[in-house]
PDB file of all heavy atoms in Angstrom:
ATOM      1  N   LYS A   1       0.832  -1.183   0.011  1.00  0.00           N
ATOM      2  CA  LYS A   1      -0.039  -0.006  -0.018  1.00  0.00           C
ATOM      3  C   LYS A   1       0.867   1.286  -0.002  1.00  0.00           C
ATOM      4  O   LYS A   1       0.569   2.288  -0.669  1.00  0.00           O
ATOM      5  CB  LYS A   1      -0.894  -0.034   1.243  1.00  0.00           C
ATOM      6  CG  LYS A   1      -2.138   0.879   1.103  1.00  0.00           C
ATOM      7  CD  LYS A   1      -3.143   0.605   2.195  1.00  0.00           C
ATOM      8  CE  LYS A   1      -4.337   1.544   2.126  1.00  0.00           C
ATOM      9  NZ  LYS A   1      -5.338   1.318   3.174  1.00  0.00           N
ATOM     10  N   MET A   2       2.031   1.229   0.722  1.00  0.00           N
ATOM     11  CA  MET A   2       2.958   2.285   0.741  1.00  0.00           C
ATOM     12  C   MET A   2       3.520   2.516  -0.663  1.00  0.00           C
ATOM     13  O   MET A   2       3.696   3.662  -1.146  1.00  0.00           O
ATOM     14  CB  MET A   2       4.029   2.034   1.727  1.00  0.00           C
ATOM     15  CG  MET A   2       5.222   3.017   1.672  1.00  0.00           C
ATOM     16  SD  MET A   2       4.666   4.765   2.045  1.00  0.00           S
ATOM     17  CE  MET A   2       4.454   4.646   3.817  1.00  0.00           C
ATOM     18  N   CYS A   3       3.846   1.396  -1.356  1.00  0.00           N
ATOM     19  CA  CYS A   3       4.382   1.527  -2.714  1.00  0.00           C
ATOM     20  C   CYS A   3       3.372   2.250  -3.669  1.00  0.00           C
ATOM     21  O   CYS A   3       3.756   3.129  -4.435  1.00  0.00           O
ATOM     22  CB  CYS A   3       4.674   0.105  -3.310  1.00  0.00           C
ATOM     23  SG  CYS A   3       6.058  -0.722  -2.507  1.00  0.00           S
ATOM     24  N   ASP A   4       2.110   1.869  -3.572  1.00  0.00           N
ATOM     25  CA  ASP A   4       1.100   2.542  -4.389  1.00  0.00           C
ATOM     26  C   ASP A   4       1.071   4.026  -4.052  1.00  0.00           C
ATOM     27  O   ASP A   4       0.897   4.840  -4.997  1.00  0.00           O
ATOM     28  CB  ASP A   4      -0.283   1.927  -4.135  1.00  0.00           C
ATOM     29  CG  ASP A   4      -0.412   0.477  -4.647  1.00  0.00           C
ATOM     30  OD1 ASP A   4       0.372   0.155  -5.509  1.00  0.00           O
ATOM     31  OD2 ASP A   4      -1.323  -0.261  -4.177  1.00  0.00           O
ATOM     32  N   THR A   5       1.139   4.373  -2.795  1.00  0.00           N
ATOM     33  CA  THR A   5       1.059   5.807  -2.395  1.00  0.00           C
ATOM     34  C   THR A   5       2.245   6.510  -2.921  1.00  0.00           C
ATOM     35  O   THR A   5       2.109   7.649  -3.446  1.00  0.00           O
ATOM     36  CB  THR A   5       1.001   5.869  -0.858  1.00  0.00           C
ATOM     37  OG1 THR A   5      -0.167   5.243  -0.465  1.00  0.00           O
ATOM     38  CG2 THR A   5       0.971   7.326  -0.381  1.00  0.00           C
ATOM     39  N   LEU A   6       3.470   5.961  -2.732  1.00  0.00           N
ATOM     40  CA  LEU A   6       4.703   6.675  -3.245  1.00  0.00           C
ATOM     41  C   LEU A   6       4.596   6.858  -4.775  1.00  0.00           C
ATOM     42  O   LEU A   6       5.031   7.897  -5.318  1.00  0.00           O
ATOM     43  CB  LEU A   6       5.899   5.856  -2.845  1.00  0.00           C
ATOM     44  CG  LEU A   6       6.219   5.794  -1.349  1.00  0.00           C
ATOM     45  CD1 LEU A   6       7.427   4.936  -1.113  1.00  0.00           C
ATOM     46  CD2 LEU A   6       6.500   7.163  -0.715  1.00  0.00           C
ATOM     47  N   ASN A   7       4.096   5.862  -5.463  1.00  0.00           N
ATOM     48  CA  ASN A   7       4.015   5.890  -6.959  1.00  0.00           C
ATOM     49  C   ASN A   7       3.041   7.001  -7.360  1.00  0.00           C
ATOM     50  O   ASN A   7       3.369   7.822  -8.228  1.00  0.00           O
ATOM     51  CB  ASN A   7       3.614   4.529  -7.479  1.00  0.00           C
ATOM     52  CG  ASN A   7       3.559   4.549  -8.988  1.00  0.00           C
ATOM     53  OD1 ASN A   7       4.526   5.003  -9.655  1.00  0.00           O
ATOM     54  ND2 ASN A   7       2.530   4.049  -9.600  1.00  0.00           N
ATOM     55  N   LEU A   8       1.858   7.071  -6.752  1.00  0.00           N
ATOM     56  CA  LEU A   8       0.907   8.065  -7.089  1.00  0.00           C
ATOM     57  C   LEU A   8       1.426   9.485  -6.816  1.00  0.00           C
ATOM     58  O   LEU A   8       1.233  10.385  -7.560  1.00  0.00           O
ATOM     59  CB  LEU A   8      -0.412   7.783  -6.349  1.00  0.00           C
ATOM     60  CG  LEU A   8      -1.267   6.640  -6.770  1.00  0.00           C
ATOM     61  CD1 LEU A   8      -2.383   6.334  -5.848  1.00  0.00           C
ATOM     62  CD2 LEU A   8      -1.754   6.814  -8.172  1.00  0.00           C
ATOM     63  N   LYS A   9       2.109   9.617  -5.637  1.00  0.00           N
ATOM     64  CA  LYS A   9       2.650  10.859  -5.284  1.00  0.00           C
ATOM     65  C   LYS A   9       3.721  11.311  -6.250  1.00  0.00           C
ATOM     66  O   LYS A   9       3.770  12.475  -6.669  1.00  0.00           O
ATOM     67  CB  LYS A   9       3.275  10.774  -3.841  1.00  0.00           C
ATOM     68  CG  LYS A   9       3.921  12.071  -3.310  1.00  0.00           C
ATOM     69  CD  LYS A   9       2.859  13.128  -3.018  1.00  0.00           C
ATOM     70  CE  LYS A   9       3.474  14.311  -2.418  1.00  0.00           C
ATOM     71  NZ  LYS A   9       2.495  15.475  -2.286  1.00  0.00           N
ATOM     72  N   PHE A  10       4.586  10.369  -6.624  1.00  0.00           N
ATOM     73  CA  PHE A  10       5.672  10.710  -7.576  1.00  0.00           C
ATOM     74  C   PHE A  10       5.094  11.163  -8.916  1.00  0.00           C
ATOM     75  O   PHE A  10       5.517  12.146  -9.479  1.00  0.00           O
ATOM     76  CB  PHE A  10       6.570   9.481  -7.838  1.00  0.00           C
ATOM     77  CG  PHE A  10       7.853   9.744  -8.519  1.00  0.00           C
ATOM     78  CD1 PHE A  10       8.984  10.015  -7.836  1.00  0.00           C
ATOM     79  CD2 PHE A  10       7.880   9.696  -9.908  1.00  0.00           C
ATOM     80  CE1 PHE A  10      10.210  10.278  -8.541  1.00  0.00           C
ATOM     81  CE2 PHE A  10       9.037   9.982 -10.616  1.00  0.00           C
ATOM     82  CZ  PHE A  10      10.184  10.294  -9.934  1.00  0.00           C
ATOM     83  N   MET A  11       4.168  10.395  -9.450  1.00  0.00           N
ATOM     84  CA  MET A  11       3.614  10.754 -10.787  1.00  0.00           C
ATOM     85  C   MET A  11       2.873  12.058 -10.755  1.00  0.00           C
ATOM     86  O   MET A  11       2.949  12.856 -11.711  1.00  0.00           O
ATOM     87  CB  MET A  11       2.698   9.595 -11.238  1.00  0.00           C
ATOM     88  CG  MET A  11       3.450   8.299 -11.570  1.00  0.00           C
ATOM     89  SD  MET A  11       2.410   6.934 -11.954  1.00  0.00           S
ATOM     90  CE  MET A  11       1.731   7.396 -13.575  1.00  0.00           C
ATOM     91  N   ALA A  12       2.131  12.310  -9.663  1.00  0.00           N
ATOM     92  CA  ALA A  12       1.391  13.572  -9.547  1.00  0.00           C
ATOM     93  C   ALA A  12       2.323  14.756  -9.401  1.00  0.00           C
ATOM     94  O   ALA A  12       2.137  15.803 -10.060  1.00  0.00           O
ATOM     95  CB  ALA A  12       0.466  13.470  -8.390  1.00  0.00           C
ATOM     96  N   GLU A  13       3.374  14.646  -8.564  1.00  0.00           N
ATOM     97  CA  GLU A  13       4.240  15.779  -8.333  1.00  0.00           C
ATOM     98  C   GLU A  13       5.111  16.085  -9.509  1.00  0.00           C
ATOM     99  O   GLU A  13       5.240  17.260  -9.897  1.00  0.00           O
ATOM    100  CB  GLU A  13       5.193  15.468  -7.130  1.00  0.00           C
ATOM    101  CG  GLU A  13       4.538  15.579  -5.742  1.00  0.00           C
ATOM    102  CD  GLU A  13       4.434  16.984  -5.354  1.00  0.00           C
ATOM    103  OE1 GLU A  13       5.238  17.819  -5.585  1.00  0.00           O
ATOM    104  OE2 GLU A  13       3.334  17.330  -4.672  1.00  0.00           O
ATOM    105  N   VAL A  14       5.654  15.040 -10.190  1.00  0.00           N
ATOM    106  CA  VAL A  14       6.546  15.237 -11.304  1.00  0.00           C
ATOM    107  C   VAL A  14       5.760  15.527 -12.596  1.00  0.00           C
ATOM    108  O   VAL A  14       6.254  16.122 -13.554  1.00  0.00           O
ATOM    109  CB  VAL A  14       7.426  13.975 -11.518  1.00  0.00           C
ATOM    110  CG1 VAL A  14       8.366  14.132 -12.730  1.00  0.00           C
ATOM    111  CG2 VAL A  14       8.285  13.758 -10.262  1.00  0.00           C
ATOM    112  N   GLN A  15       4.408  15.164 -12.554  1.00  0.00           N
ATOM    113  CA  GLN A  15       3.588  15.311 -13.768  1.00  0.00           C
ATOM    114  C   GLN A  15       4.108  14.468 -14.920  1.00  0.00           C
ATOM    115  O   GLN A  15       4.399  14.994 -15.994  1.00  0.00           O
ATOM    116  CB  GLN A  15       3.512  16.802 -14.180  1.00  0.00           C
ATOM    117  CG  GLN A  15       2.735  17.687 -13.176  1.00  0.00           C
ATOM    118  CD  GLN A  15       1.243  17.459 -13.167  1.00  0.00           C
ATOM    119  OE1 GLN A  15       0.550  17.767 -14.069  1.00  0.00           O
ATOM    120  NE2 GLN A  15       0.796  16.834 -12.090  1.00  0.00           N
ATOM    121  N   THR A  16       4.206  13.151 -14.571  1.00  0.00           N
ATOM    122  CA  THR A  16       4.698  12.219 -15.601  1.00  0.00           C
ATOM    123  C   THR A  16       3.781  11.016 -15.597  1.00  0.00           C
ATOM    124  O   THR A  16       3.099  10.682 -14.638  1.00  0.00           O
ATOM    125  CB  THR A  16       6.190  11.745 -15.264  1.00  0.00           C
ATOM    126  OG1 THR A  16       6.581  10.800 -16.270  1.00  0.00           O
ATOM    127  CG2 THR A  16       6.181  11.110 -13.848  1.00  0.00           C
ATOM    128  N   THR A  17       3.783  10.368 -16.787  1.00  0.00           N
ATOM    129  CA  THR A  17       3.029   9.103 -16.839  1.00  0.00           C
ATOM    130  C   THR A  17       3.842   7.881 -16.580  1.00  0.00           C
ATOM    131  O   THR A  17       3.402   6.722 -16.543  1.00  0.00           O
ATOM    132  CB  THR A  17       2.427   8.941 -18.334  1.00  0.00           C
ATOM    133  OG1 THR A  17       3.445   9.021 -19.281  1.00  0.00           O
ATOM    134  CG2 THR A  17       1.438  10.080 -18.601  1.00  0.00           C
ATOM    135  N   LYS A  18       5.195   8.087 -16.389  1.00  0.00           N
ATOM    136  CA  LYS A  18       6.130   6.971 -16.102  1.00  0.00           C
ATOM    137  C   LYS A  18       6.309   6.824 -14.622  1.00  0.00           C
ATOM    138  O   LYS A  18       6.954   7.653 -13.970  1.00  0.00           O
ATOM    139  CB  LYS A  18       7.470   7.249 -16.826  1.00  0.00           C
ATOM    140  CG  LYS A  18       7.342   7.440 -18.342  1.00  0.00           C
ATOM    141  CD  LYS A  18       6.910   6.141 -18.988  1.00  0.00           C
ATOM    142  CE  LYS A  18       6.598   6.333 -20.434  1.00  0.00           C
ATOM    143  NZ  LYS A  18       7.671   6.754 -21.255  1.00  0.00           N
ATOM    144  N   GLY A  19       5.618   5.810 -14.062  1.00  0.00           N
ATOM    145  CA  GLY A  19       5.708   5.597 -12.629  1.00  0.00           C
ATOM    146  C   GLY A  19       6.915   4.766 -12.185  1.00  0.00           C
ATOM    147  O   GLY A  19       7.796   4.476 -12.962  1.00  0.00           O
ATOM    148  N   LEU A  20       6.842   4.364 -10.881  1.00  0.00           N
ATOM    149  CA  LEU A  20       7.920   3.589 -10.342  1.00  0.00           C
ATOM    150  C   LEU A  20       7.792   2.123 -10.790  1.00  0.00           C
ATOM    151  O   LEU A  20       6.687   1.619 -10.949  1.00  0.00           O
ATOM    152  CB  LEU A  20       7.908   3.631  -8.812  1.00  0.00           C
ATOM    153  CG  LEU A  20       7.966   5.058  -8.211  1.00  0.00           C
ATOM    154  CD1 LEU A  20       7.923   4.988  -6.695  1.00  0.00           C
ATOM    155  CD2 LEU A  20       9.218   5.793  -8.665  1.00  0.00           C
ATOM    156  N   LEU A  21       8.930   1.454 -10.920  1.00  0.00           N
ATOM    157  CA  LEU A  21       8.964   0.071 -11.363  1.00  0.00           C
ATOM    158  C   LEU A  21       9.256  -0.877 -10.189  1.00  0.00           C
ATOM    159  O   LEU A  21       9.666  -0.441  -9.106  1.00  0.00           O
ATOM    160  CB  LEU A  21       9.993  -0.154 -12.462  1.00  0.00           C
ATOM    161  CG  LEU A  21       9.914   0.807 -13.648  1.00  0.00           C
ATOM    162  CD1 LEU A  21      11.122   0.649 -14.577  1.00  0.00           C
ATOM    163  CD2 LEU A  21       8.600   0.540 -14.417  1.00  0.00           C
ATOM    164  N   LYS A  22       9.006  -2.131 -10.367  1.00  0.00           N
ATOM    165  CA  LYS A  22       9.212  -3.090  -9.269  1.00  0.00           C
ATOM    166  C   LYS A  22      10.659  -3.020  -8.721  1.00  0.00           C
ATOM    167  O   LYS A  22      10.844  -3.217  -7.511  1.00  0.00           O
ATOM    168  CB  LYS A  22       8.854  -4.546  -9.625  1.00  0.00           C
ATOM    169  CG  LYS A  22       9.656  -5.183 -10.633  1.00  0.00           C
ATOM    170  CD  LYS A  22       9.106  -6.640 -10.872  1.00  0.00           C
ATOM    171  CE  LYS A  22      10.037  -7.315 -11.938  1.00  0.00           C
ATOM    172  NZ  LYS A  22       9.543  -8.743 -12.151  1.00  0.00           N
ATOM    173  N   GLU A  23      11.641  -2.840  -9.609  1.00  0.00           N
ATOM    174  CA  GLU A  23      13.039  -2.737  -9.116  1.00  0.00           C
ATOM    175  C   GLU A  23      13.257  -1.480  -8.260  1.00  0.00           C
ATOM    176  O   GLU A  23      14.099  -1.446  -7.386  1.00  0.00           O
ATOM    177  CB  GLU A  23      14.036  -2.798 -10.250  1.00  0.00           C
ATOM    178  CG  GLU A  23      13.787  -1.879 -11.374  1.00  0.00           C
ATOM    179  CD  GLU A  23      13.037  -2.504 -12.522  1.00  0.00           C
ATOM    180  OE1 GLU A  23      12.121  -3.306 -12.301  1.00  0.00           O
ATOM    181  OE2 GLU A  23      13.372  -2.155 -13.664  1.00  0.00           O
ATOM    182  N   HIS A  24      12.463  -0.449  -8.552  1.00  0.00           N
ATOM    183  CA  HIS A  24      12.527   0.822  -7.723  1.00  0.00           C
ATOM    184  C   HIS A  24      11.951   0.524  -6.352  1.00  0.00           C
ATOM    185  O   HIS A  24      12.503   0.918  -5.331  1.00  0.00           O
ATOM    186  CB  HIS A  24      11.704   1.916  -8.399  1.00  0.00           C
ATOM    187  CG  HIS A  24      12.305   2.352  -9.705  1.00  0.00           C
ATOM    188  ND1 HIS A  24      11.491   2.835 -10.736  1.00  0.00           N
ATOM    189  CD2 HIS A  24      13.537   2.380 -10.187  1.00  0.00           C
ATOM    190  CE1 HIS A  24      12.233   3.134 -11.815  1.00  0.00           C
ATOM    191  NE2 HIS A  24      13.472   2.892 -11.473  1.00  0.00           N
ATOM    192  N   TYR A  25      10.816  -0.219  -6.307  1.00  0.00           N
ATOM    193  CA  TYR A  25      10.223  -0.591  -5.047  1.00  0.00           C
ATOM    194  C   TYR A  25      11.167  -1.445  -4.157  1.00  0.00           C
ATOM    195  O   TYR A  25      11.200  -1.327  -2.940  1.00  0.00           O
ATOM    196  CB  TYR A  25       8.902  -1.337  -5.233  1.00  0.00           C
ATOM    197  CG  TYR A  25       7.852  -0.531  -5.877  1.00  0.00           C
ATOM    198  CD1 TYR A  25       7.036  -1.125  -6.915  1.00  0.00           C
ATOM    199  CD2 TYR A  25       7.523   0.756  -5.460  1.00  0.00           C
ATOM    200  CE1 TYR A  25       6.007  -0.393  -7.546  1.00  0.00           C
ATOM    201  CE2 TYR A  25       6.480   1.503  -6.113  1.00  0.00           C
ATOM    202  CZ  TYR A  25       5.741   0.894  -7.070  1.00  0.00           C
ATOM    203  OH  TYR A  25       4.757   1.603  -7.718  1.00  0.00           O
ATOM    204  N   PHE A  26      11.891  -2.266  -4.846  1.00  0.00           N
ATOM    205  CA  PHE A  26      12.824  -3.174  -4.134  1.00  0.00           C
ATOM    206  C   PHE A  26      13.913  -2.328  -3.428  1.00  0.00           C
ATOM    207  O   PHE A  26      14.226  -2.517  -2.251  1.00  0.00           O
ATOM    208  CB  PHE A  26      13.526  -4.155  -5.139  1.00  0.00           C
ATOM    209  CG  PHE A  26      14.306  -5.210  -4.444  1.00  0.00           C
ATOM    210  CD1 PHE A  26      13.958  -5.853  -3.286  1.00  0.00           C
ATOM    211  CD2 PHE A  26      15.588  -5.517  -5.015  1.00  0.00           C
ATOM    212  CE1 PHE A  26      14.711  -6.848  -2.709  1.00  0.00           C
ATOM    213  CE2 PHE A  26      16.424  -6.475  -4.464  1.00  0.00           C
ATOM    214  CZ  PHE A  26      15.969  -7.121  -3.286  1.00  0.00           C
ATOM    215  N   PHE A  27      14.481  -1.354  -4.146  1.00  0.00           N
ATOM    216  CA  PHE A  27      15.469  -0.454  -3.552  1.00  0.00           C
ATOM    217  C   PHE A  27      14.850   0.344  -2.402  1.00  0.00           C
ATOM    218  O   PHE A  27      15.473   0.505  -1.372  1.00  0.00           O
ATOM    219  CB  PHE A  27      16.029   0.485  -4.649  1.00  0.00           C
ATOM    220  CG  PHE A  27      16.785   1.681  -4.102  1.00  0.00           C
ATOM    221  CD1 PHE A  27      18.043   1.476  -3.610  1.00  0.00           C
ATOM    222  CD2 PHE A  27      16.275   2.960  -4.049  1.00  0.00           C
ATOM    223  CE1 PHE A  27      18.794   2.543  -3.076  1.00  0.00           C
ATOM    224  CE2 PHE A  27      16.936   3.977  -3.584  1.00  0.00           C
ATOM    225  CZ  PHE A  27      18.222   3.779  -3.026  1.00  0.00           C
ATOM    226  N   LEU A  28      13.669   0.900  -2.613  1.00  0.00           N
ATOM    227  CA  LEU A  28      13.005   1.714  -1.555  1.00  0.00           C
ATOM    228  C   LEU A  28      12.720   0.818  -0.326  1.00  0.00           C
ATOM    229  O   LEU A  28      12.865   1.326   0.799  1.00  0.00           O
ATOM    230  CB  LEU A  28      11.733   2.335  -2.113  1.00  0.00           C
ATOM    231  CG  LEU A  28      11.925   3.373  -3.226  1.00  0.00           C
ATOM    232  CD1 LEU A  28      10.574   3.736  -3.840  1.00  0.00           C
ATOM    233  CD2 LEU A  28      12.617   4.611  -2.644  1.00  0.00           C
ATOM    234  N   ALA A  29      12.389  -0.447  -0.518  1.00  0.00           N
ATOM    235  CA  ALA A  29      12.154  -1.310   0.615  1.00  0.00           C
ATOM    236  C   ALA A  29      13.421  -1.543   1.354  1.00  0.00           C
ATOM    237  O   ALA A  29      13.429  -1.559   2.595  1.00  0.00           O
ATOM    238  CB  ALA A  29      11.545  -2.670   0.116  1.00  0.00           C
TER     239      ALA A  29
END
């Protein structure tokens, strides 16, 4: 659920359609 939140926040703030990938989530975890 945290991953979904960080992804939505990132895409909204940066104004991009390219979200975080599973390897990004792995690093963040």
